[in-house]
Protein backbone atom coordinates (compact mmCIF):
# COMPACT_ATOMS: atom_id res chain seq x y z
CA MET A 1 123.21 80.65 94.38
CA LEU A 2 123.95 83.93 96.20
CA ALA A 3 126.28 86.67 94.96
CA CYS A 4 129.21 89.00 96.91
CA ALA A 5 129.73 92.94 98.29
CA ARG A 6 131.51 96.75 99.14
CA LEU A 7 129.83 113.12 105.70
CA GLU A 8 131.68 116.42 107.34
CA GLY A 9 135.43 116.92 107.54
CA GLY A 10 138.38 118.10 109.79
CA GLY A 11 142.40 117.29 109.58
CA ARG A 12 145.78 116.76 107.61
CA PRO A 13 147.63 115.22 104.47
CA ARG A 14 146.71 111.60 103.66
CA THR A 15 145.97 108.76 100.77
CA CYS A 16 143.64 106.17 98.28
CA PRO A 17 142.46 103.70 94.99
CA PRO A 18 138.97 102.11 94.06
CA THR A 19 137.52 99.23 96.14
CA ARG A 20 135.18 96.29 96.46
CA CYS A 21 134.96 93.19 98.36
CA PHE A 22 136.61 89.88 97.84
CA GLU A 23 134.45 86.72 97.95
CA THR A 24 134.21 83.12 96.79
CA PRO A 25 131.42 81.62 94.69
CA ARG A 26 128.46 80.28 96.45
CA GLY A 27 125.45 78.07 95.42
CA ALA A 28 121.80 78.74 95.83
CA HIS A 29 121.34 75.23 97.23
CA ALA A 30 123.80 76.03 99.97
CA ILE A 31 121.68 79.02 101.09
CA GLU A 32 118.56 76.88 100.93
CA GLN A 33 120.15 74.34 103.32
CA ALA A 34 121.33 77.17 105.58
CA ALA A 35 117.74 78.52 105.76
CA CYS A 36 116.16 75.13 106.59
CA PRO A 37 114.23 75.19 109.87
CA ARG A 38 116.17 74.05 112.90
CA ALA A 39 115.67 74.11 116.66
CA ARG A 40 115.81 77.63 117.98
CA ARG A 41 118.10 78.50 120.85
CA ASP A 42 117.19 81.29 120.83
CA ALA A 43 110.76 89.55 144.64
CA PRO A 44 109.07 88.29 147.30
CA GLN A 45 106.40 90.85 147.89
CA HIS A 46 106.98 93.45 150.56
CA GLU A 47 104.28 95.10 152.54
CA VAL A 48 104.17 98.82 152.18
CA ALA A 49 103.08 100.91 155.13
CA ASN A 50 100.13 103.14 154.51
CA PHE A 51 101.51 106.60 155.15
CA ARG A 52 98.00 107.94 155.69
CA GLY A 53 97.36 105.30 158.43
CA ARG A 54 100.43 106.51 160.23
CA ILE A 55 99.19 110.10 160.49
CA ASN A 56 96.14 111.15 162.43
CA LEU A 57 94.40 113.38 159.96
CA SER A 58 92.09 114.68 162.61
CA GLU A 59 95.02 116.31 164.40
CA PRO A 60 95.78 119.98 163.66
CA ARG A 61 97.83 120.33 160.51
CA LYS A 62 101.22 120.74 162.05
CA PRO A 63 103.99 122.24 159.88
CA MET A 64 105.88 118.93 159.79
CA VAL A 65 102.89 117.04 158.48
CA LEU A 66 102.13 119.59 155.92
CA ALA A 67 105.75 119.63 154.76
CA VAL A 68 105.85 115.78 154.41
CA ARG A 69 102.52 115.75 152.49
CA THR A 70 103.67 118.59 150.19
CA ALA A 71 106.94 116.77 149.45
CA LEU A 72 105.12 113.55 148.66
CA THR A 73 102.76 115.40 146.28
CA ILE A 74 105.55 117.14 144.40
CA GLY A 75 107.41 113.81 144.08
CA MET A 76 104.40 112.09 142.60
CA LEU A 77 103.92 114.96 140.12
CA LEU A 78 107.52 114.76 139.02
CA LEU A 79 107.27 111.03 138.47
CA VAL A 80 104.25 111.53 136.23
CA ALA A 81 105.73 114.49 134.31
CA LEU A 82 109.19 112.86 133.58
CA PRO A 83 109.45 110.48 130.56
CA ALA A 84 109.83 106.83 131.15
CA ARG A 85 113.48 107.04 130.09
CA THR A 86 115.83 109.70 129.04
CA GLU A 87 117.51 109.60 125.61
CA GLU A 88 120.52 107.37 125.61
CA PHE A 89 123.63 107.64 123.40
CA ARG A 90 125.55 104.34 122.86
CA LYS A 91 128.92 103.54 121.28
CA GLN A 92 128.85 101.18 118.26
CA TYR A 93 131.29 98.48 117.28
CA TRP A 94 131.45 97.02 113.74
CA ALA A 95 133.21 93.72 113.24
CA THR A 96 133.37 92.76 109.64
CA SER A 97 135.25 90.58 107.20
CA LEU A 98 134.17 89.48 103.68
CA SER A 99 137.42 87.62 103.02
CA GLY A 100 137.70 84.79 105.55
CA ALA A 101 137.07 84.84 109.32
CA VAL A 102 136.91 88.15 111.23
CA HIS A 103 140.38 89.03 112.57
CA ASP A 104 140.92 87.93 116.08
CA THR A 105 141.68 91.37 117.43
CA VAL A 106 138.55 92.84 115.82
CA LEU A 107 136.40 89.97 117.06
CA GLN A 108 137.68 90.34 120.65
CA GLY A 109 136.97 94.03 120.43
CA LEU A 110 133.34 93.09 119.51
CA TYR A 111 132.98 90.88 122.55
CA ASP A 112 134.55 93.55 124.88
CA ALA A 113 132.24 96.15 123.47
CA VAL A 114 129.01 94.27 124.16
CA THR A 115 130.29 93.42 127.62
CA ARG A 116 130.54 97.17 128.23
CA GLY A 117 126.96 97.56 127.17
CA GLU A 118 127.77 98.95 123.71
CA VAL A 119 125.97 97.97 120.43
CA GLY A 120 127.76 95.29 118.46
CA TRP A 121 127.38 94.53 114.80
CA LEU A 122 128.79 91.35 113.23
CA ASP A 123 128.82 91.85 109.45
CA VAL A 124 130.01 88.73 107.52
CA ASP A 125 129.77 86.37 104.60
CA TRP A 126 128.11 83.41 106.28
CA GLN A 127 130.03 80.95 104.01
CA ASN A 128 133.29 81.93 105.78
CA GLY A 129 131.74 80.84 109.10
CA ILE A 130 129.92 82.82 111.73
CA PRO A 131 131.73 83.43 115.05
CA ARG A 132 130.22 82.61 118.35
CA MET A 133 127.17 84.84 118.93
CA ARG A 134 126.59 86.61 122.18
CA ARG A 135 123.77 88.68 123.69
CA GLY A 136 124.08 92.31 122.42
CA ILE A 137 125.52 91.36 119.05
CA ASN A 138 123.45 92.00 115.99
CA LEU A 139 124.00 89.80 112.98
CA ILE A 140 124.28 91.06 109.39
CA LEU A 141 124.78 88.64 106.51
CA TYR A 142 126.40 89.59 103.21
CA HIS A 143 125.18 89.16 99.62
CA VAL A 144 127.11 90.14 96.43
CA GLY A 145 123.96 92.04 95.23
CA GLY A 146 124.39 93.71 91.92
CA ASN A 147 127.02 91.14 90.76
CA CYS A 148 126.85 87.39 90.27
CA TYR A 149 129.55 84.78 90.31
CA ILE A 150 130.60 83.44 86.97
CA GLY A 151 129.09 79.96 86.47
CA SER A 152 125.87 78.58 87.93
CA ASP A 153 125.16 81.69 89.98
CA CYS A 154 125.11 83.90 86.93
CA ASN A 155 123.09 81.34 85.06
CA ARG A 156 120.14 82.06 87.37
CA PHE A 157 119.74 85.53 85.90
CA PRO A 158 118.07 86.67 82.66
CA SER A 159 121.40 88.25 81.59
CA SER A 160 124.75 89.45 82.93
CA GLN A 161 127.66 91.67 81.73
CA ARG A 162 131.32 91.94 82.19
CA THR A 163 132.39 93.96 85.26
CA ARG A 164 135.37 95.57 83.41
CA ASP A 165 137.28 95.82 86.71
CA ARG A 166 139.54 93.74 88.89
CA TRP A 167 136.65 91.43 89.77
CA GLY A 168 136.03 90.41 86.16
CA THR A 169 137.64 87.07 86.47
CA THR A 170 135.22 85.91 89.07
CA GLU A 171 132.09 88.05 88.75
CA ARG A 172 129.65 89.60 86.29
CA VAL A 173 127.23 92.46 86.61
CA ILE A 174 123.42 91.93 86.73
CA ASP A 175 120.64 94.55 86.42
CA LEU A 176 118.86 94.99 89.66
CA ALA A 177 116.47 97.31 87.95
CA ASP A 178 115.08 94.38 86.04
CA ALA A 179 112.19 92.83 87.97
CA ALA A 180 113.18 89.17 87.16
CA ALA A 181 116.77 89.72 88.26
CA ARG A 182 115.66 91.54 91.35
CA LYS A 183 113.36 88.74 92.38
CA VAL A 184 116.25 86.25 92.29
CA VAL A 185 118.25 88.45 94.60
CA VAL A 186 115.38 89.29 96.99
CA ASP A 187 114.64 85.56 97.33
CA ASP A 188 118.26 85.06 98.29
CA LEU A 189 118.07 87.84 100.80
CA LEU A 190 115.00 86.27 102.42
CA LYS A 191 116.88 82.97 102.78
CA LEU A 192 119.72 84.78 104.48
CA ALA A 193 117.26 86.44 106.87
CA ARG A 194 115.77 83.07 107.75
CA HIS A 195 119.30 81.70 108.36
CA ALA A 196 120.13 84.60 110.63
CA ASP A 197 116.93 84.30 112.50
CA GLU A 198 117.74 80.64 113.43
CA ILE A 199 121.23 81.42 114.82
CA ALA A 200 121.13 84.86 116.37
CA PRO A 201 120.06 85.51 119.94
CA ALA A 202 116.35 86.25 120.24
CA SER A 203 117.03 89.91 121.23
CA SER A 204 119.46 90.52 118.31
CA ILE A 205 118.65 92.63 115.26
CA ILE A 206 119.35 90.84 112.03
CA GLY A 207 119.84 92.15 108.52
CA VAL A 208 121.42 91.90 105.08
CA HIS A 209 124.45 93.60 103.58
CA LEU A 210 123.63 93.97 99.85
CA ASP A 211 126.77 94.88 97.80
CA ASN A 212 127.25 96.45 94.39
CA VAL A 213 124.22 98.74 94.49
CA HIS A 214 126.22 101.80 93.43
CA LYS A 215 124.60 101.88 90.00
CA LEU A 216 121.09 102.14 91.33
CA ASP A 217 119.28 105.47 91.64
CA ALA A 218 117.12 106.38 94.61
CA ARG A 219 114.02 104.70 93.13
CA GLY A 220 115.99 101.58 92.30
CA LEU A 221 117.20 101.35 95.88
CA ALA A 222 113.70 101.70 97.24
CA ASP A 223 112.44 98.95 94.87
CA VAL A 224 114.99 96.47 96.11
CA PHE A 225 114.77 97.08 99.80
CA ASN A 226 111.03 97.60 100.02
CA GLU A 227 110.50 94.31 98.17
CA PHE A 228 112.86 92.63 100.63
CA LEU A 229 111.08 94.14 103.71
CA LYS A 230 107.65 93.17 102.25
CA ASN A 231 108.77 89.55 101.83
CA VAL A 232 110.23 89.48 105.35
CA LYS A 233 106.86 90.57 106.72
CA ALA A 234 105.10 87.84 104.73
CA ALA A 235 107.52 85.22 106.08
CA GLN A 236 106.90 86.42 109.60
CA ASP A 237 103.19 86.18 109.09
CA ARG A 238 103.57 82.60 107.79
CA GLY A 239 105.73 81.66 110.84
CA LEU A 240 108.93 81.16 108.79
CA ILE A 241 110.72 83.93 110.75
CA SER A 242 110.12 84.91 114.34
CA LYS A 243 107.33 87.46 114.52
CA THR A 244 109.22 89.44 117.13
CA ARG A 245 112.50 89.56 115.24
CA LYS A 246 113.76 93.01 114.21
CA ILE A 247 115.01 92.90 110.63
CA GLY A 248 116.57 95.44 108.34
CA TYR A 249 119.16 96.18 105.72
CA VAL A 250 122.45 97.97 105.42
CA ALA A 251 123.05 100.99 103.19
CA LYS A 252 126.24 100.16 101.25
CA ASN A 253 128.03 103.05 99.47
CA ASN A 254 126.03 105.23 97.09
CA PRO A 255 125.15 107.65 99.97
CA GLN A 256 123.76 110.36 97.69
CA ALA A 257 121.08 108.00 96.30
CA PHE A 258 120.28 106.65 99.76
CA ARG A 259 119.97 110.22 101.03
CA GLU A 260 117.53 111.09 98.23
CA ALA A 261 115.45 107.93 98.84
CA LEU A 262 115.15 108.78 102.49
CA GLU A 263 114.39 112.44 101.99
CA GLN A 264 111.55 111.50 99.48
CA ASN A 265 110.21 108.85 101.87
CA TRP A 266 110.55 106.20 99.17
CA LEU A 267 112.13 103.65 101.49
CA ASP A 268 109.66 101.89 103.89
CA ALA A 269 112.28 101.91 106.69
CA PRO A 270 115.76 103.54 107.19
CA PRO A 271 118.84 101.44 106.97
CA LEU A 272 120.42 99.80 110.00
CA TYR A 273 123.62 101.69 109.27
CA GLN A 274 125.54 103.36 106.36
CA ILE A 275 128.78 102.00 105.10
CA ASN A 276 131.07 104.12 102.90
CA GLU A 277 134.16 102.53 101.42
CA ASN A 278 137.42 104.10 100.25
CA ALA A 279 137.18 106.88 102.84
CA ARG A 280 140.10 109.28 102.90
CA LEU A 281 141.26 112.66 104.11
CA ASP A 282 142.74 115.39 101.89
CA ARG A 283 145.83 117.36 102.81
CA ASP A 284 143.69 119.72 104.92
CA GLY A 285 142.25 116.79 106.84
CA VAL A 286 138.77 117.04 105.17
CA LEU A 287 136.80 113.88 104.48
CA ASP A 288 135.99 112.90 100.95
CA PRO A 289 132.62 114.14 99.56
CA GLU A 290 130.82 110.81 99.69
CA SER A 291 131.88 110.17 103.33
CA ARG A 292 130.52 113.58 104.22
CA ILE A 293 127.22 112.74 102.65
CA ALA A 294 127.22 109.47 104.67
CA GLN A 295 127.71 111.63 107.80
CA GLN A 296 124.64 113.60 106.89
CA VAL A 297 122.59 110.40 106.39
CA GLY A 298 123.72 109.09 109.78
CA LYS A 299 122.86 112.37 111.62
CA ARG A 300 119.44 112.74 109.91
CA CYS A 301 118.36 109.14 110.52
CA ARG A 302 120.21 108.59 113.86
CA ILE A 303 121.94 105.54 112.56
CA PRO A 304 125.64 104.54 112.78
CA VAL A 305 127.96 105.46 109.97
CA PHE A 306 130.93 103.16 109.45
CA LEU A 307 133.80 104.12 107.09
CA LYS A 308 135.95 101.44 105.35
CA THR A 309 139.56 102.32 104.58
CA PHE A 310 142.37 100.49 102.79
CA GLY A 311 146.04 100.95 103.14
CA THR A 312 146.50 100.70 99.31
CA ASP A 313 144.21 103.82 98.73
CA ILE A 314 145.84 107.08 97.88
CA ALA A 315 144.51 109.99 99.80
CA ASP A 316 146.70 112.76 98.38
CA THR A 317 150.00 113.61 96.89
CA ILE A 318 152.52 116.07 98.32
CA GLU A 319 155.35 118.21 96.91
CA GLU A 320 158.71 117.01 98.20
CA ASN A 321 162.09 117.96 96.73
CA GLY A 322 160.56 118.39 93.34
CA GLU A 323 158.67 115.08 93.48
CA GLN A 324 155.02 114.23 94.27
CA PRO A 325 155.00 111.03 96.43
CA ASN A 326 151.62 109.47 97.23
CA VAL A 327 150.07 109.80 100.66
CA PHE A 328 148.38 106.47 101.47
CA VAL A 329 145.50 105.93 103.81
CA THR A 330 147.17 104.72 107.03
CA LYS A 331 145.87 103.36 110.29
CA GLU A 332 146.63 106.72 111.88
CA MET A 333 144.49 108.56 109.29
CA SER A 334 141.68 106.09 109.89
CA GLU A 335 141.85 106.74 113.66
CA GLU A 336 141.67 110.48 112.93
CA MET A 337 138.56 109.88 110.72
CA ALA A 338 136.90 108.07 113.68
CA GLN A 339 137.08 111.19 115.78
CA MET A 340 134.97 113.21 113.42
CA PRO A 341 131.39 114.07 114.10
CA ASP A 342 128.72 111.45 113.13
CA VAL A 343 131.26 108.75 112.34
CA SER A 344 130.64 105.70 114.50
CA GLY A 345 133.77 103.98 113.50
CA VAL A 346 136.42 103.18 110.93
CA ALA A 347 137.61 99.72 109.75
CA TRP A 348 141.10 99.60 108.21
CA SER A 349 142.52 96.83 105.89
CA PRO A 350 146.12 96.81 104.62
CA ASP A 351 145.03 95.96 101.04
CA GLU A 352 141.82 96.62 99.13
CA ALA A 353 142.07 93.21 97.45
CA ASN A 354 141.43 91.59 100.85
CA TYR A 355 138.28 92.79 102.66
CA HIS A 356 139.68 91.75 106.02
CA PRO A 357 140.09 94.64 108.51
CA THR A 358 142.81 94.21 111.04
CA VAL A 359 141.76 97.04 113.19
CA PHE A 360 138.57 98.97 114.12
CA PHE A 361 138.49 102.46 115.62
CA GLN A 362 135.38 103.38 117.47
CA GLY A 363 133.89 106.83 116.88
CA SER A 364 131.02 108.82 118.13
CA SER A 365 127.98 107.45 120.03
CA VAL A 366 124.55 107.18 118.45
CA ARG A 367 121.33 108.38 119.98
CA GLU A 368 119.09 105.43 120.54
CA VAL A 369 115.58 105.69 118.98
CA PRO A 370 112.72 103.12 118.53
CA PHE A 371 113.63 100.50 115.86
CA GLY A 372 112.59 101.62 112.41
CA SER A 373 111.97 105.29 113.46
CA PRO A 374 111.64 107.54 110.37
CA CYS A 375 114.45 110.03 109.68
CA ASN A 376 114.19 113.56 110.96
CA GLU A 377 113.07 116.17 108.44
């Protein structure tokens, strides 16, 4: 059985409470079935005139002939000197929902974005159904990660503890630092990768969204994701996953530990993108500290940074007629965050109890680099 999941400033007064995703129990046998092999869907020549043949080289070198030959030489030198392609910056679009199907407006925005040639990311819990894929959309599948679902899911692990939060009626905490517990989760992630490989277009990147890793330190994060990447490579060598498929992972919350793991080169590959939940602005319009660290990770590694906001989060309180009313995180505040440097977009949900964004605001473009490129020093 699988389990469920969850920079720099500028601005104005706003609002926020704690957060996490909202899922339903799932069985390991269901993931096994999803990962089972299935059928993959996954000019006439023109003659070129010889310029040398059209010029009598025995004639005196007339000014016009010399000018033409000089121009051709310079042109050829420029072609050799210029890089094959210039750096390209592309907008990103993040369509996600961990509580039911992706909202219609957000999903249509994803389709429109890839039609414009932008990069699309579909980040979902596969048990809620996967929308129609299209060329240009990358597929990310969710796993509850450091938690398990009460019942047969939790029974797969050596031990589990109460969450002591709002999720305590459906989930328990597992120890990802324990090798035996980590193996169960990594095996689940590999099944998700195989499932994504079967349904995503051949050109799409696929990856996993591992939730509840906020208790891991930098070494712990490296242990989980390096083990996953190692198993993916072994599966590709065995022909279980397409050898040409680009596969990665998402950095979920805990940006300080991810930053340290990347700075120390403990991770074998950078994340596909960084998510930071419960983002908010203070009364001066400055992003919260964790979101600012996420911005730094995105800038250094040239990856998208997506902020997740909730209308029930309190960003600030203000003095008003002797009272201190709460300032909540609104759609307008979320749109303002999306205009900040190194923020690729912001997804807003009305309520934290329902991880189902109803709007996505696109942010800054990201410089394209070869897949898996190391972060800049």
